[in-house]
Protein backbone atom coordinates (compact mmCIF):
# COMPACT_ATOMS: atom_id res chain seq x y z
CA MET A 1 -0.01 0.03 -0.01
CA PRO A 2 1.19 3.61 -0.58
CA ARG A 3 2.72 5.23 2.40
CA ASP A 4 1.94 8.94 3.29
CA GLU A 5 4.32 10.97 5.34
CA GLU A 6 3.05 14.32 6.35
CA ALA A 7 4.96 17.15 8.06
CA MET A 8 4.73 20.91 8.39
CA SER A 9 7.46 23.43 9.38
CA ALA A 10 8.02 27.11 9.65
CA PRO A 11 9.69 28.84 6.79
CA GLU A 12 13.21 30.13 6.77
CA ALA A 13 13.54 33.87 6.40
CA GLN A 14 13.68 34.56 2.73
CA ASP A 15 14.91 37.60 0.84
CA ARG A 16 11.80 38.45 -1.01
CA LYS A 17 8.62 40.66 -0.75
CA ALA A 18 5.79 38.46 0.27
CA GLU A 19 2.40 39.38 -1.07
CA PRO A 20 -0.56 39.33 1.20
CA PRO A 21 -2.94 36.35 0.84
CA THR A 22 -6.00 36.72 -1.19
CA ALA A 23 -9.40 35.33 0.09
CA GLY A 24 -10.74 32.45 -2.02
CA VAL A 25 -7.53 31.51 -3.62
CA LYS A 26 -5.38 28.87 -1.91
CA PHE A 27 -2.76 27.14 -4.20
CA THR A 28 -1.73 23.65 -3.86
CA VAL A 29 1.49 22.97 -5.74
CA VAL A 30 1.98 19.36 -6.78
CA VAL A 31 5.64 18.38 -7.54
CA THR A 32 5.60 14.78 -8.86
CA THR A 33 9.05 13.10 -9.00
CA TYR A 34 10.55 9.77 -9.86
CA ASN A 35 14.38 9.41 -9.51
CA TYR A 36 14.95 13.17 -10.05
CA ALA A 37 16.98 13.92 -7.00
CA HIS A 38 19.64 15.56 -9.15
CA LEU A 39 17.13 18.01 -10.71
CA LEU A 40 14.56 18.47 -7.92
CA PRO A 41 16.61 21.18 -6.07
CA ASP A 42 16.23 23.62 -9.03
CA ALA A 43 12.45 23.16 -8.87
CA LEU A 44 12.30 23.60 -5.08
CA ARG A 45 14.47 26.68 -5.10
CA SER A 46 12.07 28.34 -7.54
CA LEU A 47 9.26 27.36 -5.26
CA ALA A 48 10.92 28.77 -2.22
CA ALA A 49 11.41 32.17 -4.13
CA GLN A 50 7.63 32.64 -4.88
CA THR A 51 6.38 36.10 -3.85
CA VAL A 52 3.08 34.31 -2.92
CA PRO A 53 4.20 32.34 0.21
CA ASP A 54 0.82 31.06 1.32
CA PHE A 55 0.60 27.88 -0.76
CA GLU A 56 0.55 24.20 0.13
CA LEU A 57 3.27 22.20 -1.26
CA LEU A 58 2.82 18.48 -1.91
CA ILE A 59 5.83 16.44 -3.17
CA VAL A 60 4.57 13.19 -4.51
CA ASP A 61 7.40 10.68 -4.77
CA ASP A 62 6.43 7.92 -7.21
CA GLY A 63 8.66 5.17 -5.86
CA SER A 64 12.09 6.86 -6.20
CA THR A 65 15.02 4.75 -5.41
CA ASP A 66 17.59 7.62 -5.42
CA LYS A 67 18.25 10.37 -2.95
CA THR A 68 14.92 12.20 -3.37
CA GLY A 69 14.12 11.80 0.32
CA GLN A 70 17.27 13.37 1.31
CA VAL A 71 16.77 16.34 -1.00
CA VAL A 72 13.21 16.71 0.27
CA GLU A 73 14.42 16.96 3.93
CA GLU A 74 17.02 19.61 3.04
CA PHE A 75 14.34 21.79 1.65
CA ARG A 76 11.56 21.06 4.19
CA PRO A 77 12.33 24.03 6.59
CA ARG A 78 11.90 26.57 3.60
CA PHE A 79 8.13 26.08 3.31
CA ARG A 80 5.26 26.75 5.70
CA ASP A 81 2.71 24.15 4.50
CA PHE A 82 4.63 21.06 3.32
CA ARG A 83 3.87 17.41 2.90
CA TYR A 84 6.03 14.72 1.39
CA LEU A 85 3.78 11.82 0.07
CA LYS A 86 5.56 8.63 -0.85
CA LYS A 87 3.76 5.97 -2.99
CA LEU A 88 4.49 2.87 -5.02
CA ASN A 89 5.45 3.53 -8.55
CA GLY A 90 2.38 3.97 -10.74
CA GLY A 91 3.42 6.38 -13.43
CA PRO A 92 2.82 10.09 -14.07
CA ALA A 93 -0.97 10.08 -14.20
CA ASP A 94 -1.25 8.08 -11.03
CA ALA A 95 1.16 10.42 -9.24
CA ARG A 96 -0.74 13.53 -10.44
CA ASN A 97 -4.06 11.99 -9.22
CA PHE A 98 -2.52 11.08 -5.85
CA GLY A 99 -1.40 14.73 -5.44
CA VAL A 100 -4.64 16.36 -6.42
CA GLN A 101 -6.64 13.91 -4.16
CA ASN A 102 -4.56 14.91 -1.17
CA ALA A 103 -4.66 18.60 -1.86
CA ARG A 104 -6.40 20.94 0.47
CA GLY A 105 -6.15 23.99 -1.84
CA THR A 106 -8.82 25.47 -4.23
CA HIS A 107 -6.37 25.81 -7.03
CA ILE A 108 -4.07 23.09 -8.28
CA ALA A 109 -0.72 23.81 -9.86
CA PHE A 110 1.79 21.26 -11.11
CA LEU A 111 5.46 21.86 -11.22
CA ASP A 112 7.36 18.88 -12.79
CA ALA A 113 10.51 18.02 -10.76
CA ASP A 114 12.92 18.98 -13.64
CA ASP A 115 11.34 22.37 -14.31
CA LEU A 116 11.43 25.90 -12.70
CA TRP A 117 9.01 28.64 -12.05
CA SER A 118 9.62 32.40 -12.06
CA PRO A 119 9.26 33.95 -8.55
CA ARG A 120 6.15 35.78 -9.95
CA TYR A 121 4.49 32.60 -11.23
CA LEU A 122 1.81 32.17 -8.52
CA SER A 123 1.36 35.88 -8.23
CA GLU A 124 0.51 36.41 -11.91
CA VAL A 125 -1.77 33.33 -11.96
CA ARG A 126 -3.58 34.67 -8.96
CA LYS A 127 -4.10 37.97 -10.70
CA THR A 128 -5.57 36.22 -13.73
CA PHE A 129 -8.01 34.18 -11.67
CA ASN A 130 -9.03 37.39 -9.77
CA ALA A 131 -9.43 39.39 -13.00
CA HIS A 132 -11.41 36.67 -14.76
CA PRO A 133 -13.77 35.32 -12.06
CA ARG A 134 -15.27 32.63 -14.20
CA THR A 135 -11.84 31.15 -15.07
CA GLU A 136 -11.44 27.44 -14.37
CA ILE A 137 -8.03 26.74 -15.85
CA VAL A 138 -5.03 29.12 -16.67
CA PHE A 139 -2.33 28.41 -19.08
CA CYS A 140 0.95 30.39 -18.94
CA ASN A 141 3.64 30.85 -21.38
CA GLY A 142 7.33 29.97 -20.70
CA PHE A 143 10.67 28.81 -22.38
CA ARG A 144 11.67 25.45 -23.40
CA ILE A 145 15.38 24.96 -22.48
CA ASN A 146 17.74 22.00 -22.91
CA GLY A 147 19.65 20.15 -20.22
CA SER A 148 22.49 22.69 -20.20
CA GLY A 149 20.21 25.61 -19.88
CA ARG A 150 20.19 26.92 -23.43
CA VAL A 151 16.94 28.64 -24.31
CA LEU A 152 15.38 26.92 -27.26
CA ARG A 153 12.09 28.74 -27.93
CA PRO A 154 8.90 29.90 -26.21
CA VAL A 155 6.31 27.23 -25.20
CA PHE A 156 3.60 29.18 -26.94
CA PRO A 157 4.89 30.94 -30.09
CA PRO A 158 4.16 34.61 -30.70
CA GLY A 159 1.11 35.66 -32.65
CA LEU A 160 -1.37 33.11 -31.16
CA ALA A 161 -4.85 34.38 -30.67
CA ALA A 162 -5.89 34.97 -27.01
CA ILE A 163 -7.97 32.32 -25.11
CA ASP A 164 -10.54 33.70 -22.69
CA GLY A 165 -13.57 31.44 -22.37
CA PRO A 166 -14.46 27.87 -23.34
CA ILE A 167 -12.70 26.29 -26.27
CA ASN A 168 -15.20 26.48 -29.14
CA SER A 169 -13.23 25.49 -32.19
CA ALA A 170 -10.97 22.59 -33.41
CA GLU A 171 -8.34 25.14 -34.36
CA GLU A 172 -8.27 26.60 -30.70
CA LEU A 173 -8.10 23.07 -29.28
CA PHE A 174 -5.33 21.84 -31.36
CA LEU A 175 -3.15 24.97 -30.99
CA LEU A 176 -3.53 24.60 -27.22
CA CYS A 177 -2.79 20.93 -27.03
CA LYS A 178 0.20 21.36 -29.36
CA HIS A 179 1.98 23.81 -27.09
CA PHE A 180 0.98 23.67 -23.34
CA VAL A 181 2.93 21.88 -20.77
CA PRO A 182 1.70 20.90 -17.28
CA THR A 183 4.23 22.99 -15.57
CA GLY A 184 2.43 26.08 -16.93
CA MET A 185 -1.14 24.97 -16.06
CA VAL A 186 -3.27 25.82 -12.96
CA PHE A 187 -6.86 24.69 -12.57
CA LEU A 188 -9.74 24.78 -9.94
CA LYS A 189 -10.11 21.61 -7.92
CA PRO A 190 -13.82 21.45 -8.73
CA LEU A 191 -12.88 21.19 -12.44
CA TYR A 192 -10.84 18.14 -11.74
CA ASP A 193 -13.94 16.74 -9.98
CA ARG A 194 -16.03 17.41 -12.98
CA VAL A 195 -13.51 16.22 -15.69
CA GLY A 196 -12.40 13.18 -13.69
CA PRO A 197 -8.78 11.93 -12.90
CA PHE A 198 -5.78 11.71 -15.18
CA ASP A 199 -6.06 8.45 -17.20
CA VAL A 200 -3.55 5.88 -15.68
CA ARG A 201 -3.67 3.90 -18.91
CA PHE A 202 -1.36 6.47 -20.46
CA ARG A 203 2.31 6.68 -19.27
CA HIS A 204 2.93 9.44 -21.79
CA GLY A 205 0.31 12.13 -22.84
CA ASP A 206 -2.04 11.85 -19.83
CA ASP A 207 -1.86 15.66 -19.58
CA VAL A 208 -3.00 16.14 -23.17
CA ASP A 209 -5.91 13.63 -22.66
CA TRP A 210 -7.00 15.44 -19.59
CA VAL A 211 -6.93 19.00 -21.08
CA ILE A 212 -8.97 17.68 -24.07
CA ARG A 213 -11.44 16.25 -21.76
CA ALA A 214 -11.58 19.64 -19.74
CA ALA A 215 -12.06 21.54 -23.03
CA MET A 216 -14.85 19.18 -24.18
CA ALA A 217 -16.56 19.61 -20.77
CA GLY A 218 -16.66 23.43 -21.46
CA ALA A 219 -13.98 24.53 -19.11
CA TYR A 220 -13.47 28.29 -18.99
CA CYS A 221 -9.86 28.71 -20.18
CA VAL A 222 -7.49 31.76 -20.10
CA ARG A 223 -4.02 31.92 -21.62
CA ILE A 224 -1.57 34.45 -20.41
CA ASP A 225 1.59 35.28 -22.37
CA GLN A 226 4.01 36.13 -19.63
CA LYS A 227 7.07 33.85 -19.75
CA LEU A 228 6.78 32.49 -16.29
CA PHE A 229 8.52 29.05 -16.23
CA LEU A 230 11.43 27.07 -17.71
CA TYR A 231 10.42 23.63 -19.27
CA ARG A 232 13.46 21.39 -19.45
CA ILE A 233 13.98 19.01 -22.37
CA HIS A 234 16.52 16.37 -21.69
CA GLY A 235 17.26 12.64 -22.21
CA GLY A 236 15.56 11.65 -19.04
CA ASN A 237 12.22 13.32 -19.62
CA LEU A 238 9.29 11.17 -18.76
CA THR A 239 7.31 12.79 -21.74
CA ASN A 240 10.13 11.93 -24.16
CA ASP A 241 8.80 8.58 -25.37
CA ALA A 242 7.22 9.60 -28.62
CA ILE A 243 5.98 6.19 -29.61
CA ALA A 244 4.12 5.78 -26.36
CA PHE A 245 2.58 9.20 -27.02
CA LEU A 246 1.45 8.14 -30.48
CA ASP A 247 -0.41 5.19 -28.85
CA THR A 248 -2.08 7.60 -26.36
CA TRP A 249 -3.06 9.93 -29.25
CA LEU A 250 -4.67 7.13 -31.16
CA LYS A 251 -6.85 6.31 -28.01
CA ILE A 252 -7.67 10.05 -27.75
CA TYR A 253 -8.66 10.15 -31.38
CA GLU A 254 -11.04 7.11 -30.96
CA GLU A 255 -12.54 8.14 -27.63
CA GLN A 256 -12.80 11.90 -27.87
CA LEU A 257 -12.13 13.36 -31.28
CA LYS A 258 -14.17 11.15 -33.69
CA GLN A 259 -17.47 12.34 -32.08
CA SER A 260 -16.45 15.68 -30.67
CA ARG A 261 -18.88 18.54 -29.79
CA LEU A 262 -16.49 20.68 -31.91
CA GLY A 263 -17.63 18.93 -35.08
CA PRO A 264 -16.01 16.92 -37.94
CA GLU A 265 -13.05 19.32 -38.10
CA CYS A 266 -11.89 17.97 -34.83
CA GLU A 267 -11.78 14.55 -36.22
CA ARG A 268 -10.09 15.72 -39.35
CA ARG A 269 -7.33 17.41 -37.46
CA GLY A 270 -6.94 14.55 -35.09
CA ARG A 271 -6.38 12.19 -38.06
CA ILE A 272 -3.93 14.41 -39.78
CA PHE A 273 -1.97 14.88 -36.42
CA ALA A 274 -1.79 11.11 -35.96
CA ARG A 275 -0.60 10.68 -39.64
CA ASN A 276 2.13 13.45 -39.34
CA TYR A 277 3.28 12.21 -35.97
CA ALA A 278 3.59 8.62 -37.12
CA LEU A 279 5.54 9.76 -40.23
CA ARG A 280 7.93 11.85 -38.15
CA LEU A 281 8.80 8.86 -36.03
CA LEU A 282 9.97 6.74 -38.96
CA GLY A 283 13.47 8.22 -39.01
CA ASN A 284 14.04 7.05 -35.40
CA CYS A 285 12.67 3.48 -35.86
CA SER A 286 13.88 0.24 -37.45
CA PRO A 287 11.86 -0.75 -40.55
CA ALA A 288 10.08 -3.40 -38.49
CA GLU A 289 9.21 -0.94 -35.65
CA GLY A 290 8.12 1.65 -38.32
CA ARG A 291 5.77 -0.82 -39.95
CA ALA A 292 4.22 -1.75 -36.60
CA LEU A 293 3.42 1.81 -35.60
CA LEU A 294 2.14 2.71 -39.01
CA ALA A 295 -0.09 -0.48 -38.89
CA ARG A 296 -1.54 0.69 -35.60
CA THR A 297 -2.11 4.22 -36.98
CA ILE A 298 -3.73 2.92 -40.15
CA GLU A 299 -6.06 0.57 -38.30
CA THR A 300 -7.30 3.61 -36.07
CA VAL A 301 -7.59 6.38 -38.63
CA ARG A 302 -8.63 4.08 -41.56
CA GLY A 303 -8.38 4.79 -45.23
CA ASP A 304 -5.36 7.10 -45.23
CA PHE A 305 -3.65 6.78 -48.51
CA ILE A 306 -0.44 8.59 -47.29
CA LEU A 307 0.08 6.28 -44.38
CA ARG A 308 -0.54 3.18 -46.55
CA SER A 309 2.09 4.36 -49.07
CA ALA A 310 4.50 5.06 -46.21
CA TYR A 311 3.91 1.57 -44.91
CA PHE A 312 4.92 -0.11 -48.07
CA SER A 313 7.92 2.27 -48.46
CA THR A 314 9.40 0.78 -45.27
CA TYR A 315 10.27 -2.36 -47.30
CA LEU A 316 12.22 -0.14 -49.77
CA GLY A 317 14.12 1.85 -47.11
CA SER A 318 13.23 5.19 -48.60
CA SER A 319 11.67 6.69 -45.45
CA TYR A 320 14.81 6.11 -43.51
CA THR A 321 17.03 8.21 -45.76
CA ILE A 322 15.20 11.05 -47.39
CA ARG A 323 13.13 12.16 -44.39
CA PRO A 324 15.99 12.64 -41.90
CA LEU A 325 17.78 14.69 -44.37
CA ARG A 326 14.79 17.17 -44.74
CA TRP A 327 14.57 17.32 -40.98
CA THR A 328 18.24 18.26 -40.67
CA LYS A 329 17.87 20.96 -43.36
CA ARG A 330 14.86 22.45 -41.53
CA LEU A 331 16.68 22.47 -38.20
CA LEU A 332 19.72 24.24 -39.69
CA LEU A 333 17.57 26.85 -41.36
CA LYS A 334 15.77 27.55 -38.21
CA ARG A 335 18.64 27.66 -35.81
CA PRO A 336 19.29 31.19 -34.45
CA ALA A 337 22.83 32.76 -34.79
CA ALA A 338 23.16 33.12 -30.96
CA VAL A 339 21.33 31.02 -28.35
CA PRO A 340 20.97 32.49 -24.96
CA LYS A 341 21.93 30.32 -21.99
CA VAL A 342 20.84 30.52 -18.26
CA ASP A 343 22.65 29.45 -15.19
CA LEU A 344 20.21 27.04 -13.56
CA GLY A 345 22.19 27.18 -10.35
CA ALA A 346 21.63 30.85 -9.93
CA PRO A 347 18.90 32.38 -7.72
CA PRO A 348 15.56 32.13 -9.55
CA GLU A 349 15.33 36.00 -9.51
CA ILE A 350 18.48 36.18 -11.42
CA ILE A 351 17.59 33.31 -13.81
CA PHE A 352 14.46 35.05 -14.98
CA GLN A 353 15.76 38.51 -14.99
CA GLY A 354 17.01 38.48 -18.53
CA LEU A 355 14.26 36.40 -20.09
């Protein structure tokens, strides 16, 4: 059975301007972690620097076997309302559900153990909820960075239309799902009760599935464009298993998009996304693996001539030479002349100053 360890301690004096609490808004920050003891300190430092100190912090340890517990104990004195929840390994969706179900707050925020928040993150989110009283979920912008701290690109690209209300078109839904990350998402706990838990069938993409379900349930969404977090992309990311995500997407397509309240355009975009995603994976697969994933995709979306052609081309080997060359060309053309880099070991105030 999962084991729950609970403790609360007074915070250390911190060099920051604490903002007064706001009635009706009580954040619970859920940090899920699995063998990320080497990255967790960066995330916790960014939490300790928040200008909104009156939040509940839950660290959900999904069966780690490294020094996660030691890291947690080192940071325990820096938080007022703190619980360390240990459980048997069940995957990302199960860990998220465990955190939300143990939350005492009204507003749930996720911070993945390998990501960082700006000190203003909770403050700006709180302002958004107060300014838009009907809001049920807020999506923030941030930067994608690599493992060494090089800034790659914004999470939401510039020029996207604002979101302020329920998602009412397939275009809005797909733009949102293409770009958002859980570290930049805060929602009301009653919305979770209405939408249901994260689907534990999915070890990758459970967050996308949940957001689509929330959108289909008519959740009032607001997207803000301030760059308020760093989303780290590295070899150990739990969300980096692209083939597993394709399998998740095929289930999302079958269960949610084929008969969507947003109409046939939602099904069409879901089918095209599945096709394009499967084709992109071919360059990273053996011919046998490529045929298997194409077969699964063809069976789900049915009647796609391009996918069928790609399936037969795997016997000729053409997909594994031409396509990677095209990708390389695109990457070289898009690469900026100078890529900024942040020192992830610096105080959070310094990290976000120049971004």
